[in-house]
């Protein structure tokens, strides 16, 4: 039995606000619950590991598991690297960040693609290296040649490649 206030008749332990005058009950009660209980075995980590230990097969998931040796990675060093990258991203001009919805990972994916170099140069985020551009153009323009059949002399190969 709860103790009621004399003036209003509202139990003392209820919260009153400007929207609740204290005389109406707006709560809902769920006796059976709304959680689907038939998924509990699929989500219980102990049962998942027990199944793995018994069969040796991981349960099927939509994600592809990735394994890697990260013993050489220091957690603090990685956190510092991420903080530096975030700081550098925050220093970019607002119009550049707006192109990527202010998302650092979108910008990093864009900046890693060499096809986007002209746009990065236009924004002033990359410096055009004329000598590198010329070297890449000449390398792309040259056709690879092979030695004629029967020739194995290195001097002939070097002479043919130089011409």
N, C-alpha and C. Protein backbone atom coordinates (compact mmCIF):
# COMPACT_ATOMS: atom_id res chain seq x y z
N UNK A 1 0.84 -1.18 0.00
CA UNK A 1 0.00 0.00 0.00
C UNK A 1 0.88 1.23 0.00
N UNK A 2 0.64 2.12 -0.95
CA UNK A 2 1.47 3.32 -1.04
C UNK A 2 0.81 4.47 -0.28
N UNK A 3 1.63 5.36 0.19
CA UNK A 3 1.15 6.52 0.94
C UNK A 3 0.77 7.60 -0.07
N UNK A 4 -0.41 8.17 0.07
CA UNK A 4 -0.89 9.20 -0.85
C UNK A 4 -0.83 10.56 -0.19
N UNK A 5 -0.64 11.57 -0.99
CA UNK A 5 -0.65 12.94 -0.50
C UNK A 5 -2.09 13.32 -0.17
N UNK A 6 -2.22 14.13 0.86
CA UNK A 6 -3.57 14.50 1.30
C UNK A 6 -4.26 15.43 0.31
N UNK A 7 -3.52 16.38 -0.28
CA UNK A 7 -4.16 17.40 -1.12
C UNK A 7 -4.57 16.84 -2.49
N UNK A 8 -3.74 16.02 -3.10
CA UNK A 8 -4.03 15.57 -4.46
C UNK A 8 -4.42 14.12 -4.56
N UNK A 9 -4.08 13.30 -3.60
CA UNK A 9 -4.38 11.88 -3.67
C UNK A 9 -3.40 11.11 -4.52
N UNK A 10 -2.29 11.76 -4.94
CA UNK A 10 -1.27 11.12 -5.77
C UNK A 10 -0.26 10.43 -4.86
N UNK A 11 0.16 9.21 -5.22
CA UNK A 11 1.19 8.55 -4.40
C UNK A 11 2.45 9.40 -4.31
N UNK A 12 3.15 9.36 -3.17
CA UNK A 12 4.32 10.19 -2.93
C UNK A 12 5.51 9.84 -3.82
N UNK A 13 5.61 8.62 -4.28
CA UNK A 13 6.79 8.21 -5.02
C UNK A 13 6.67 8.47 -6.53
N UNK A 14 5.69 9.16 -7.00
CA UNK A 14 5.54 9.42 -8.43
C UNK A 14 6.18 10.75 -8.79
N UNK A 15 6.65 10.83 -10.03
CA UNK A 15 7.28 12.04 -10.55
C UNK A 15 6.20 12.92 -11.15
N UNK A 16 6.16 14.16 -10.76
CA UNK A 16 5.17 15.08 -11.31
C UNK A 16 5.86 16.15 -12.12
N UNK A 17 5.24 16.53 -13.23
CA UNK A 17 5.78 17.59 -14.07
C UNK A 17 4.62 18.44 -14.55
N UNK A 18 4.95 19.44 -15.38
CA UNK A 18 3.91 20.30 -15.92
C UNK A 18 2.97 19.54 -16.85
N UNK A 19 3.43 18.41 -17.36
CA UNK A 19 2.63 17.62 -18.30
C UNK A 19 1.86 16.50 -17.61
N UNK A 20 2.17 16.23 -16.38
CA UNK A 20 1.52 15.16 -15.64
C UNK A 20 0.88 15.76 -14.40
N UNK A 21 -0.41 15.79 -14.37
CA UNK A 21 -1.11 16.35 -13.21
C UNK A 21 -1.21 15.36 -12.07
N UNK A 22 -0.85 14.13 -12.33
CA UNK A 22 -0.81 13.14 -11.27
C UNK A 22 -2.07 12.33 -11.12
N UNK A 23 -3.08 12.61 -11.93
CA UNK A 23 -4.32 11.88 -11.74
C UNK A 23 -4.63 10.89 -12.86
N UNK A 24 -3.73 10.74 -13.82
CA UNK A 24 -3.96 9.82 -14.92
C UNK A 24 -2.76 8.89 -15.06
N UNK A 25 -3.02 7.66 -15.45
CA UNK A 25 -1.97 6.67 -15.62
C UNK A 25 -1.71 6.47 -17.11
N UNK A 26 -0.51 6.86 -17.60
CA UNK A 26 -0.17 6.74 -19.01
C UNK A 26 0.77 5.57 -19.28
N UNK A 27 1.06 4.78 -18.31
CA UNK A 27 2.03 3.71 -18.49
C UNK A 27 1.40 2.50 -19.17
N UNK A 28 2.26 1.71 -19.83
CA UNK A 28 1.83 0.47 -20.46
C UNK A 28 2.54 -0.68 -19.77
N UNK A 29 1.87 -1.78 -19.64
CA UNK A 29 2.47 -2.95 -19.01
C UNK A 29 2.47 -4.10 -20.01
N UNK A 30 3.64 -4.73 -20.17
CA UNK A 30 3.78 -5.88 -21.05
C UNK A 30 4.08 -7.08 -20.17
N UNK A 31 3.17 -7.99 -20.12
CA UNK A 31 3.36 -9.16 -19.27
C UNK A 31 4.27 -10.18 -19.91
N UNK A 32 4.14 -10.39 -21.22
CA UNK A 32 4.94 -11.40 -21.89
C UNK A 32 6.26 -10.83 -22.42
N UNK A 33 6.39 -9.54 -22.56
CA UNK A 33 7.58 -8.93 -23.11
C UNK A 33 7.50 -8.86 -24.62
N UNK A 34 8.29 -7.98 -25.22
CA UNK A 34 8.26 -7.82 -26.67
C UNK A 34 9.53 -8.35 -27.33
N UNK A 35 10.45 -8.89 -26.54
CA UNK A 35 11.69 -9.44 -27.09
C UNK A 35 11.42 -10.85 -27.61
N UNK A 36 11.93 -11.13 -28.80
CA UNK A 36 11.78 -12.47 -29.36
C UNK A 36 12.77 -13.40 -28.67
N UNK A 37 12.26 -14.28 -27.85
CA UNK A 37 13.11 -15.13 -27.03
C UNK A 37 13.70 -16.31 -27.79
N UNK A 38 13.21 -16.62 -28.98
CA UNK A 38 13.71 -17.78 -29.69
C UNK A 38 15.08 -17.54 -30.33
N UNK A 39 15.63 -16.31 -30.24
CA UNK A 39 16.96 -16.01 -30.77
C UNK A 39 18.05 -16.07 -29.69
N UNK A 40 17.69 -16.41 -28.46
CA UNK A 40 18.68 -16.35 -27.38
C UNK A 40 19.83 -17.33 -27.59
N UNK A 41 19.55 -18.53 -28.11
CA UNK A 41 20.63 -19.51 -28.33
C UNK A 41 21.59 -19.05 -29.41
N UNK A 42 21.10 -18.32 -30.42
CA UNK A 42 21.96 -17.84 -31.50
C UNK A 42 22.87 -16.71 -31.05
N UNK A 43 22.49 -16.00 -30.00
CA UNK A 43 23.24 -14.84 -29.54
C UNK A 43 24.12 -15.11 -28.33
N UNK A 44 23.93 -16.23 -27.66
CA UNK A 44 24.69 -16.53 -26.45
C UNK A 44 26.11 -16.94 -26.83
N UNK A 45 27.09 -16.16 -26.40
CA UNK A 45 28.48 -16.41 -26.77
C UNK A 45 28.98 -17.74 -26.23
N UNK A 46 28.49 -18.14 -25.07
CA UNK A 46 28.91 -19.42 -24.49
C UNK A 46 28.45 -20.58 -25.37
N UNK A 47 27.24 -20.49 -25.90
CA UNK A 47 26.73 -21.56 -26.76
C UNK A 47 27.42 -21.54 -28.13
N UNK A 48 27.77 -20.35 -28.62
CA UNK A 48 28.49 -20.25 -29.89
C UNK A 48 29.86 -20.89 -29.76
N UNK A 49 30.58 -20.58 -28.68
CA UNK A 49 31.91 -21.16 -28.47
C UNK A 49 31.84 -22.66 -28.21
N UNK A 50 30.81 -23.11 -27.49
CA UNK A 50 30.66 -24.54 -27.25
C UNK A 50 30.45 -25.28 -28.57
N UNK A 51 29.66 -24.69 -29.48
CA UNK A 51 29.43 -25.31 -30.78
C UNK A 51 30.74 -25.35 -31.58
N UNK A 52 31.53 -24.27 -31.50
CA UNK A 52 32.80 -24.23 -32.21
C UNK A 52 33.77 -25.27 -31.66
N UNK A 53 33.82 -25.41 -30.36
CA UNK A 53 34.73 -26.37 -29.75
C UNK A 53 34.33 -27.81 -30.10
N UNK A 54 33.04 -28.03 -30.28
CA UNK A 54 32.57 -29.37 -30.60
C UNK A 54 32.79 -29.72 -32.07
N UNK A 55 32.49 -28.78 -32.96
CA UNK A 55 32.56 -29.07 -34.40
C UNK A 55 33.82 -28.56 -35.06
N UNK A 56 34.43 -27.50 -34.51
CA UNK A 56 35.61 -26.90 -35.13
C UNK A 56 35.27 -25.98 -36.29
N UNK A 57 33.99 -25.71 -36.48
CA UNK A 57 33.54 -24.85 -37.59
C UNK A 57 32.87 -23.61 -37.00
N UNK A 58 33.30 -22.44 -37.50
CA UNK A 58 32.68 -21.19 -37.05
C UNK A 58 31.27 -21.08 -37.62
N UNK A 59 30.33 -20.50 -36.88
CA UNK A 59 28.99 -20.29 -37.42
C UNK A 59 29.04 -19.35 -38.62
N UNK A 60 28.14 -19.54 -39.56
CA UNK A 60 28.09 -18.72 -40.75
C UNK A 60 27.64 -17.30 -40.40
N UNK A 61 28.37 -16.32 -40.94
CA UNK A 61 28.00 -14.91 -40.75
C UNK A 61 28.04 -14.23 -42.11
N UNK A 62 27.43 -13.07 -42.17
CA UNK A 62 27.45 -12.31 -43.42
C UNK A 62 28.80 -11.62 -43.63
N UNK A 63 29.49 -11.30 -42.54
CA UNK A 63 30.79 -10.63 -42.64
C UNK A 63 31.89 -11.66 -42.84
N UNK A 64 32.90 -11.30 -43.59
CA UNK A 64 34.06 -12.16 -43.78
C UNK A 64 35.05 -11.90 -42.66
N UNK A 65 35.40 -12.91 -41.89
CA UNK A 65 36.37 -12.68 -40.81
C UNK A 65 37.74 -12.40 -41.40
N UNK A 66 38.49 -11.53 -40.75
CA UNK A 66 39.84 -11.20 -41.19
C UNK A 66 40.79 -11.47 -40.04
N UNK A 67 41.89 -12.09 -40.38
CA UNK A 67 42.89 -12.42 -39.40
C UNK A 67 44.18 -11.71 -39.77
N UNK A 68 44.88 -11.23 -38.77
CA UNK A 68 46.14 -10.56 -39.05
C UNK A 68 47.03 -10.54 -37.82
N UNK A 69 48.31 -10.44 -38.06
CA UNK A 69 49.27 -10.35 -36.96
C UNK A 69 49.42 -8.88 -36.59
N UNK A 70 48.91 -8.52 -35.46
CA UNK A 70 49.00 -7.14 -35.00
C UNK A 70 49.87 -7.03 -33.75
N UNK A 71 50.76 -8.00 -33.57
CA UNK A 71 51.60 -7.99 -32.38
C UNK A 71 52.59 -6.83 -32.39
N UNK A 72 52.92 -6.30 -33.57
CA UNK A 72 53.87 -5.19 -33.66
C UNK A 72 53.19 -3.83 -33.54
N UNK A 73 51.86 -3.81 -33.47
CA UNK A 73 51.12 -2.56 -33.42
C UNK A 73 50.91 -2.17 -31.97
N UNK A 74 51.32 -0.96 -31.65
CA UNK A 74 51.13 -0.44 -30.30
C UNK A 74 49.83 0.34 -30.25
N UNK A 75 48.98 0.06 -29.28
CA UNK A 75 47.67 0.70 -29.18
C UNK A 75 47.81 2.22 -29.04
N UNK A 76 48.69 2.67 -28.16
CA UNK A 76 48.85 4.10 -27.94
C UNK A 76 49.36 4.80 -29.20
N UNK A 77 50.28 4.15 -29.90
CA UNK A 77 50.82 4.73 -31.13
C UNK A 77 49.71 4.87 -32.19
N UNK A 78 48.86 3.86 -32.29
CA UNK A 78 47.76 3.91 -33.25
C UNK A 78 46.76 5.01 -32.89
N UNK A 79 46.48 5.16 -31.60
CA UNK A 79 45.57 6.23 -31.17
C UNK A 79 46.16 7.60 -31.49
N UNK A 80 47.46 7.76 -31.33
CA UNK A 80 48.12 9.02 -31.66
C UNK A 80 48.05 9.30 -33.16
N UNK A 81 48.22 8.26 -33.97
CA UNK A 81 48.14 8.41 -35.42
C UNK A 81 46.74 8.85 -35.83
N UNK A 82 45.73 8.22 -35.24
CA UNK A 82 44.34 8.60 -35.54
C UNK A 82 44.04 10.04 -35.11
N UNK A 83 44.55 10.42 -33.95
CA UNK A 83 44.32 11.78 -33.47
C UNK A 83 44.99 12.80 -34.38
N UNK A 84 46.19 12.48 -34.87
CA UNK A 84 46.88 13.38 -35.80
C UNK A 84 46.11 13.50 -37.10
N UNK A 85 45.63 12.38 -37.61
CA UNK A 85 44.86 12.41 -38.86
C UNK A 85 43.57 13.22 -38.70
N UNK A 86 42.92 13.07 -37.57
CA UNK A 86 41.69 13.84 -37.32
C UNK A 86 41.99 15.34 -37.22
N UNK A 87 43.09 15.68 -36.56
CA UNK A 87 43.48 17.08 -36.45
C UNK A 87 43.77 17.69 -37.82
N UNK A 88 44.50 16.93 -38.65
CA UNK A 88 44.81 17.43 -39.99
C UNK A 88 43.55 17.57 -40.84
N UNK A 89 42.61 16.64 -40.69
CA UNK A 89 41.35 16.75 -41.43
C UNK A 89 40.56 17.97 -40.98
N UNK A 90 40.56 18.24 -39.69
CA UNK A 90 39.82 19.39 -39.16
C UNK A 90 40.42 20.72 -39.64
N UNK A 91 41.70 20.73 -40.00
CA UNK A 91 42.34 21.95 -40.48
C UNK A 91 42.07 22.23 -41.95
N UNK A 92 41.45 21.30 -42.66
CA UNK A 92 41.12 21.51 -44.08
C UNK A 92 40.08 22.62 -44.21
N UNK A 93 40.03 23.28 -45.37
CA UNK A 93 39.00 24.29 -45.60
C UNK A 93 37.60 23.66 -45.54
N UNK A 94 36.64 24.46 -45.12
CA UNK A 94 35.28 23.97 -44.94
C UNK A 94 34.67 23.45 -46.24
N UNK A 95 34.96 24.10 -47.38
CA UNK A 95 34.36 23.63 -48.63
C UNK A 95 34.89 22.26 -49.03
N UNK A 96 36.13 21.95 -48.68
CA UNK A 96 36.69 20.63 -48.98
C UNK A 96 36.02 19.59 -48.08
N UNK A 97 35.90 19.89 -46.79
CA UNK A 97 35.26 18.95 -45.88
C UNK A 97 33.80 18.74 -46.24
N UNK A 98 33.14 19.75 -46.76
CA UNK A 98 31.73 19.63 -47.13
C UNK A 98 31.56 18.65 -48.28
N UNK A 99 32.55 18.54 -49.17
CA UNK A 99 32.47 17.57 -50.27
C UNK A 99 32.44 16.13 -49.76
N UNK A 100 32.90 15.90 -48.56
CA UNK A 100 32.96 14.56 -47.99
C UNK A 100 32.04 14.42 -46.79
N UNK A 101 31.07 15.30 -46.66
CA UNK A 101 30.10 15.27 -45.55
C UNK A 101 30.78 15.29 -44.19
N UNK A 102 31.92 15.98 -44.11
CA UNK A 102 32.71 16.09 -42.88
C UNK A 102 33.10 14.72 -42.32
N UNK A 103 33.31 13.75 -43.19
CA UNK A 103 33.71 12.41 -42.78
C UNK A 103 35.16 12.17 -43.20
N UNK A 104 36.00 11.94 -42.21
CA UNK A 104 37.43 11.79 -42.45
C UNK A 104 37.73 10.56 -43.31
N UNK A 105 37.05 9.44 -43.06
CA UNK A 105 37.34 8.22 -43.82
C UNK A 105 37.01 8.38 -45.30
N UNK A 106 35.97 9.16 -45.62
CA UNK A 106 35.63 9.40 -47.03
C UNK A 106 36.75 10.19 -47.71
N UNK A 107 37.27 11.19 -47.01
CA UNK A 107 38.36 12.00 -47.56
C UNK A 107 39.62 11.15 -47.75
N UNK A 108 39.94 10.30 -46.78
CA UNK A 108 41.14 9.47 -46.89
C UNK A 108 41.03 8.50 -48.06
N UNK A 109 39.85 7.92 -48.27
CA UNK A 109 39.66 7.04 -49.44
C UNK A 109 39.85 7.81 -50.73
N UNK A 110 39.37 9.05 -50.78
CA UNK A 110 39.51 9.89 -51.97
C UNK A 110 40.98 10.24 -52.19
N UNK A 111 41.68 10.63 -51.13
CA UNK A 111 43.07 11.09 -51.25
C UNK A 111 44.02 9.95 -51.62
N UNK A 112 43.70 8.71 -51.27
CA UNK A 112 44.57 7.59 -51.58
C UNK A 112 44.50 7.18 -53.05
N UNK A 113 43.47 7.57 -53.76
CA UNK A 113 43.31 7.20 -55.16
C UNK A 113 44.15 8.13 -56.04
N UNK A 114 45.10 7.61 -56.81
CA UNK A 114 45.95 8.48 -57.63
C UNK A 114 45.18 9.18 -58.75
N UNK A 115 44.02 8.66 -59.13
CA UNK A 115 43.23 9.33 -60.16
C UNK A 115 42.68 10.66 -59.69
N UNK A 116 42.63 10.88 -58.37
CA UNK A 116 42.07 12.11 -57.82
C UNK A 116 43.13 13.19 -57.59
N UNK A 117 44.35 12.95 -58.06
CA UNK A 117 45.44 13.91 -57.86
C UNK A 117 45.16 15.28 -58.46
N UNK A 118 44.58 15.39 -59.67
CA UNK A 118 44.29 16.73 -60.20
C UNK A 118 43.34 17.54 -59.31
N UNK A 119 42.34 16.87 -58.73
CA UNK A 119 41.42 17.57 -57.85
C UNK A 119 42.13 18.00 -56.56
N UNK A 120 43.02 17.15 -56.05
CA UNK A 120 43.78 17.50 -54.85
C UNK A 120 44.69 18.69 -55.13
N UNK A 121 45.29 18.74 -56.34
CA UNK A 121 46.13 19.88 -56.71
C UNK A 121 45.29 21.15 -56.83
N UNK A 122 44.08 21.02 -57.36
CA UNK A 122 43.20 22.19 -57.50
C UNK A 122 42.84 22.77 -56.14
N UNK A 123 42.64 21.92 -55.15
CA UNK A 123 42.31 22.39 -53.81
C UNK A 123 43.54 22.89 -53.06
N UNK A 124 44.74 22.65 -53.60
CA UNK A 124 45.96 23.08 -52.94
C UNK A 124 46.44 22.09 -51.89
N UNK A 125 45.96 20.85 -51.97
CA UNK A 125 46.35 19.84 -50.99
C UNK A 125 47.48 18.96 -51.49
N UNK A 126 47.83 19.09 -52.77
CA UNK A 126 48.93 18.33 -53.34
C UNK A 126 49.74 19.26 -54.23
N UNK A 127 51.02 19.01 -54.32
CA UNK A 127 51.90 19.81 -55.15
C UNK A 127 52.21 19.01 -56.40
N UNK A 128 52.06 19.65 -57.54
CA UNK A 128 52.32 18.96 -58.79
C UNK A 128 53.82 18.84 -58.98
N UNK A 129 54.27 17.65 -59.20
CA UNK A 129 55.67 17.37 -59.42
C UNK A 129 55.86 17.16 -60.92
N UNK A 130 56.41 18.16 -61.60
CA UNK A 130 56.54 18.11 -63.05
C UNK A 130 57.45 16.97 -63.51
N UNK A 131 58.57 16.77 -62.81
CA UNK A 131 59.50 15.72 -63.23
C UNK A 131 58.87 14.34 -63.08
N UNK A 132 58.11 14.15 -62.01
CA UNK A 132 57.45 12.87 -61.82
C UNK A 132 56.38 12.65 -62.89
N UNK A 133 55.63 13.70 -63.21
CA UNK A 133 54.60 13.59 -64.24
C UNK A 133 55.22 13.25 -65.59
N UNK A 134 56.34 13.89 -65.93
CA UNK A 134 57.01 13.59 -67.20
C UNK A 134 57.53 12.16 -67.22
N UNK A 135 58.10 11.71 -66.11
CA UNK A 135 58.63 10.34 -66.05
C UNK A 135 57.50 9.32 -66.21
N UNK A 136 56.37 9.59 -65.59
CA UNK A 136 55.24 8.67 -65.73
C UNK A 136 54.70 8.65 -67.15
N UNK A 137 54.69 9.82 -67.81
CA UNK A 137 54.20 9.88 -69.18
C UNK A 137 55.14 9.14 -70.13
N UNK A 138 56.44 9.32 -69.94
CA UNK A 138 57.39 8.62 -70.82
C UNK A 138 57.35 7.13 -70.58
N UNK A 139 57.17 6.73 -69.32
CA UNK A 139 57.10 5.31 -69.01
C UNK A 139 55.84 4.70 -69.62
N UNK A 140 54.75 5.41 -69.59
CA UNK A 140 53.51 4.91 -70.18
C UNK A 140 53.61 4.88 -71.70
N UNK A 141 54.36 5.81 -72.29
CA UNK A 141 54.49 5.88 -73.74
C UNK A 141 55.40 4.82 -74.32
N UNK A 142 56.36 4.35 -73.54
CA UNK A 142 57.30 3.35 -74.04
C UNK A 142 56.61 1.99 -74.12
N UNK A 143 56.94 1.28 -75.16
CA UNK A 143 56.43 -0.08 -75.28
C UNK A 143 57.50 -1.03 -74.80
N UNK A 144 57.08 -2.07 -74.14
CA UNK A 144 58.06 -3.05 -73.68
C UNK A 144 58.46 -3.91 -74.86
N UNK A 145 59.75 -4.18 -74.92
CA UNK A 145 60.25 -5.02 -76.01
C UNK A 145 60.85 -6.28 -75.41
N UNK A 146 60.87 -7.32 -76.19
CA UNK A 146 61.46 -8.57 -75.73
C UNK A 146 62.63 -8.91 -76.63
N UNK A 147 63.47 -9.79 -76.15
CA UNK A 147 64.62 -10.21 -76.93
C UNK A 147 64.16 -11.11 -78.08
N UNK A 148 64.86 -11.02 -79.21
CA UNK A 148 64.56 -11.97 -80.29
C UNK A 148 64.92 -13.38 -79.84
N UNK A 149 64.27 -14.34 -80.42
CA UNK A 149 64.48 -15.73 -80.03
C UNK A 149 65.94 -16.12 -80.23
N UNK A 150 66.50 -16.84 -79.28
CA UNK A 150 67.85 -17.33 -79.40
C UNK A 150 68.90 -16.39 -78.84
N UNK A 151 68.57 -15.15 -78.52
CA UNK A 151 69.56 -14.21 -77.97
C UNK A 151 69.46 -14.23 -76.46
N UNK A 152 70.56 -14.44 -75.81
CA UNK A 152 70.57 -14.45 -74.35
C UNK A 152 71.65 -13.56 -73.79
N UNK A 153 72.35 -12.85 -74.63
CA UNK A 153 73.43 -11.99 -74.17
C UNK A 153 72.85 -10.75 -73.49
N UNK A 154 73.35 -10.44 -72.30
CA UNK A 154 72.84 -9.29 -71.55
C UNK A 154 73.16 -7.98 -72.25
N UNK A 155 74.30 -7.90 -72.93
CA UNK A 155 74.66 -6.65 -73.61
C UNK A 155 73.70 -6.40 -74.77
N UNK A 156 73.27 -7.45 -75.46
CA UNK A 156 72.30 -7.27 -76.54
C UNK A 156 70.96 -6.82 -75.98
N UNK A 157 70.59 -7.35 -74.83
CA UNK A 157 69.32 -6.98 -74.22
C UNK A 157 69.36 -5.52 -73.78
N UNK A 158 70.46 -5.12 -73.18
CA UNK A 158 70.59 -3.74 -72.74
C UNK A 158 70.59 -2.79 -73.92
N UNK A 159 71.29 -3.18 -75.02
CA UNK A 159 71.33 -2.34 -76.20
C UNK A 159 69.95 -2.22 -76.82
N UNK A 160 69.19 -3.29 -76.86
CA UNK A 160 67.87 -3.25 -77.47
C UNK A 160 66.92 -2.40 -76.62
N UNK A 161 66.99 -2.48 -75.31
CA UNK A 161 66.11 -1.70 -74.44
C UNK A 161 66.45 -0.22 -74.49
N UNK A 162 67.73 0.10 -74.72
CA UNK A 162 68.13 1.50 -74.73
C UNK A 162 67.70 2.21 -76.02
N UNK A 163 67.41 1.45 -77.07
CA UNK A 163 67.04 2.08 -78.35
C UNK A 163 65.58 2.39 -78.42
